Protein backbone atom coordinates (compact mmCIF):
# COMPACT_ATOMS: atom_id res chain seq x y z
CA MET A 1 83.40 87.76 77.46
CA ASN A 2 83.56 89.36 80.92
CA ILE A 3 82.42 88.54 84.41
CA ARG A 4 78.97 90.15 84.49
CA SER A 5 77.55 88.70 87.69
CA ALA A 6 79.02 87.26 90.88
CA LYS A 7 77.44 86.23 94.16
CA PHE A 8 78.37 84.32 97.27
CA VAL A 9 76.45 81.03 97.38
CA LYS A 10 77.63 79.33 100.57
CA GLY A 11 80.52 78.14 102.68
CA VAL A 12 80.95 74.43 103.35
CA VAL A 13 83.37 72.27 105.31
CA GLY A 14 82.86 68.89 103.66
CA THR A 15 80.64 66.90 101.34
CA ASN A 16 77.83 69.01 99.93
CA GLU A 17 75.30 68.55 97.14
CA ILE A 18 76.41 71.83 95.53
CA PHE A 19 79.62 70.14 94.34
CA GLU A 20 77.56 67.60 92.44
CA ASP A 21 75.11 69.94 90.67
CA GLY A 22 77.07 69.87 87.39
CA THR A 23 78.28 73.48 87.60
CA PRO A 24 81.97 73.73 86.59
CA GLN A 25 84.33 74.54 89.46
CA ILE A 26 87.41 76.76 89.25
CA VAL A 27 89.40 76.39 92.44
CA PHE A 28 91.77 78.92 94.04
CA ILE A 29 94.50 77.52 96.28
CA GLY A 30 97.64 78.98 97.81
CA ARG A 31 99.46 79.69 101.04
CA SER A 32 97.73 81.56 103.82
CA ASN A 33 97.71 85.32 103.19
CA VAL A 34 98.78 85.04 99.53
CA GLY A 35 95.64 86.89 98.42
CA LYS A 36 93.26 84.20 97.13
CA SER A 37 90.18 86.08 98.30
CA SER A 38 91.58 89.38 96.99
CA VAL A 39 92.15 87.82 93.56
CA ILE A 40 88.53 86.61 93.51
CA ASN A 41 87.33 90.10 94.52
CA SER A 42 89.42 91.70 91.75
CA LEU A 43 88.03 89.30 89.14
CA ALA A 44 84.44 89.94 90.24
CA ASN A 45 85.14 93.68 90.58
CA GLN A 46 83.38 93.69 93.95
CA ASN A 47 84.04 92.69 97.55
CA LEU A 48 82.61 89.18 97.58
CA ALA A 49 85.19 87.41 99.71
CA ARG A 50 86.33 88.49 103.18
CA THR A 51 89.91 89.67 103.23
CA GLY A 52 92.30 90.67 105.96
CA SER A 53 95.94 90.87 106.94
CA THR A 54 95.66 87.96 109.39
CA PRO A 55 96.72 84.66 107.78
CA GLY A 56 94.06 81.95 107.86
CA LEU A 57 90.93 84.11 107.62
CA THR A 58 89.24 81.71 105.18
CA GLN A 59 88.40 78.55 107.14
CA GLN A 60 85.86 76.87 104.92
CA ILE A 61 85.30 76.21 101.23
CA ASN A 62 83.60 79.39 99.99
CA ILE A 63 81.60 79.11 96.78
CA TYR A 64 80.82 82.01 94.43
CA LEU A 65 78.55 81.72 91.37
CA ILE A 66 79.96 83.61 88.39
CA ASN A 67 77.84 84.59 85.35
CA LYS A 68 75.31 81.97 86.52
CA ALA A 69 77.63 79.54 84.71
CA PHE A 70 80.49 78.37 86.98
CA TYR A 71 81.74 78.45 90.56
CA LEU A 72 84.86 80.13 91.86
CA ILE A 73 85.94 78.14 94.90
CA ASP A 74 87.97 79.96 97.58
CA LEU A 75 89.85 77.46 99.73
CA PRO A 76 91.59 77.93 103.07
CA GLY A 77 95.30 78.56 102.70
CA TYR A 78 97.97 76.02 103.44
CA GLY A 79 101.05 76.70 105.53
CA PHE A 80 101.08 79.28 108.29
CA ALA A 81 97.80 80.49 109.76
CA LYS A 82 97.05 82.09 113.14
CA LYS A 83 95.09 79.06 114.27
CA SER A 84 95.81 76.19 116.63
CA GLY A 85 97.77 73.22 115.34
CA GLU A 86 94.58 71.15 115.42
CA ALA A 87 92.63 73.74 113.39
CA ARG A 88 95.42 73.91 110.79
CA GLN A 89 95.50 70.13 110.61
CA GLN A 90 91.71 70.03 110.05
CA MET A 91 92.03 72.56 107.21
CA GLN A 92 94.80 70.48 105.61
CA LYS A 93 92.64 67.36 105.87
CA MET A 94 89.76 69.22 104.24
CA LEU A 95 91.97 70.40 101.35
CA ASN A 96 93.39 66.92 100.81
CA TRP A 97 89.90 65.39 100.80
CA TYR A 98 88.50 68.04 98.44
CA PHE A 99 91.28 67.73 95.84
CA PHE A 100 92.29 64.11 95.95
CA LYS A 101 89.61 61.98 97.60
CA SER A 102 86.23 63.58 96.90
CA GLY A 103 86.12 62.65 93.22
CA TYR A 104 84.92 66.16 92.30
CA GLU A 105 85.93 67.43 88.88
CA PHE A 106 87.56 70.84 88.46
CA LYS A 107 87.56 72.95 85.32
CA LYS A 108 90.79 74.60 86.46
CA VAL A 109 92.94 74.99 89.55
CA ILE A 110 94.47 78.42 90.13
CA LEU A 111 97.59 78.11 92.29
CA ILE A 112 98.42 81.52 93.73
CA VAL A 113 102.02 82.24 94.67
CA ASP A 114 103.31 85.38 96.40
CA ALA A 115 105.35 87.13 93.69
CA LYS A 116 107.62 88.86 96.17
CA VAL A 117 108.29 85.76 98.32
CA GLY A 118 108.54 83.42 95.33
CA SER A 119 107.71 79.74 95.20
CA THR A 120 107.97 78.10 98.61
CA GLN A 121 108.47 74.41 99.26
CA ASP A 122 104.79 74.22 100.27
CA ASP A 123 103.81 75.75 96.90
CA LEU A 124 105.97 73.24 95.04
CA ASN A 125 104.60 70.31 97.06
CA VAL A 126 101.00 71.33 96.33
CA PHE A 127 101.86 71.91 92.67
CA GLY A 128 103.46 68.47 92.43
CA SER A 129 100.41 66.79 93.98
CA LEU A 130 98.03 68.64 91.66
CA GLN A 131 100.19 67.86 88.65
CA LYS A 132 100.39 64.17 89.58
CA ALA A 133 96.57 64.10 89.92
CA GLY A 134 96.25 65.52 86.39
CA LYS A 135 94.63 68.83 87.35
CA ASP A 136 94.50 71.72 84.83
CA ILE A 137 96.69 74.26 86.67
CA ILE A 138 97.32 77.97 86.12
CA ILE A 139 99.90 79.75 88.27
CA VAL A 140 99.08 83.30 89.38
CA THR A 141 101.89 85.35 90.94
CA ASN A 142 99.93 87.79 93.09
CA LYS A 143 101.40 90.96 94.60
CA VAL A 144 103.70 91.79 91.66
CA ASP A 145 103.24 95.44 92.64
CA LYS A 146 105.39 94.75 95.70
CA ILE A 147 108.44 93.67 93.70
CA LYS A 148 111.11 96.33 93.11
CA LYS A 149 111.32 97.27 89.42
CA SER A 150 115.00 96.31 89.36
CA GLU A 151 114.15 92.76 90.56
CA TYR A 152 110.88 92.22 88.66
CA ILE A 153 112.08 90.28 85.59
CA GLU A 154 114.50 88.09 87.54
CA GLN A 155 111.93 87.30 90.27
CA LEU A 156 109.23 86.34 87.76
CA GLN A 157 111.68 84.18 85.83
CA LYS A 158 112.64 82.29 89.02
CA ILE A 159 108.96 81.56 89.64
CA LYS A 160 108.36 80.50 86.01
CA ASP A 161 111.36 78.17 86.18
CA CYS A 162 109.76 76.34 89.13
CA PHE A 163 106.60 75.55 87.17
CA CYS A 164 108.07 74.32 83.86
CA ASP A 165 105.68 74.81 80.96
CA TYR A 166 102.65 75.88 82.97
CA LYS A 167 100.94 79.21 82.36
CA VAL A 168 102.19 81.85 84.85
CA ILE A 169 100.20 85.09 85.09
CA PRO A 170 101.79 88.14 86.81
CA TYR A 171 99.02 89.62 88.97
CA SER A 172 98.18 92.33 91.44
CA ALA A 173 94.72 92.23 92.99
CA LYS A 174 95.40 95.65 94.49
CA LYS A 175 96.44 97.37 91.23
CA ARG A 176 94.31 95.10 88.97
CA ILE A 177 97.33 93.89 86.98
CA GLY A 178 96.62 90.63 85.14
CA VAL A 179 92.84 90.71 85.71
CA GLY A 180 92.07 90.64 81.98
CA GLU A 181 94.48 87.79 81.26
CA LEU A 182 93.22 85.63 84.13
CA THR A 183 89.58 86.36 83.26
CA HIS A 184 90.30 85.25 79.68
CA GLU A 185 91.83 81.99 80.94
CA LEU A 186 88.84 81.31 83.21
CA LEU A 187 86.21 82.00 80.58
CA LYS A 188 87.73 80.06 77.68
């Protein structure tokens, strides 16, 4: 099965009836500028989500309907963003509410890590919170195309070691590496 249709539904910043319509939600989370929106675009094979080189471009919860069957949810990034301290704090509050206080159910949570940078303390903190809350997590190491060939295996192993027995998918939104594997995980 493939992704045959994808469309932007809406962006929200808090409670919204769309989260309660019974449509399964697959949520994308990661640091600012790790490529969450680019991964969504590569999966949909179209430019659905806005992307840019400036960290913190996504500032709301963006919802995309896939195959008229489930939502891909693009969240603001955590960590560094070119926004005021107050704006970053508001985004963090929104993420915390959405994951841990809203009561919404998620089919899967896709934690995106920068393959070249590796797992940061922020990534590990978010992972630990998601794990403790019992979320179904898949780790995607985006930007594998930026790792030197001589460092590739060692870098990926370091990342895998941080996430124990969880599925880790090497990925490049730019070169479309891992698209098939991630699509398979989302559709099963």
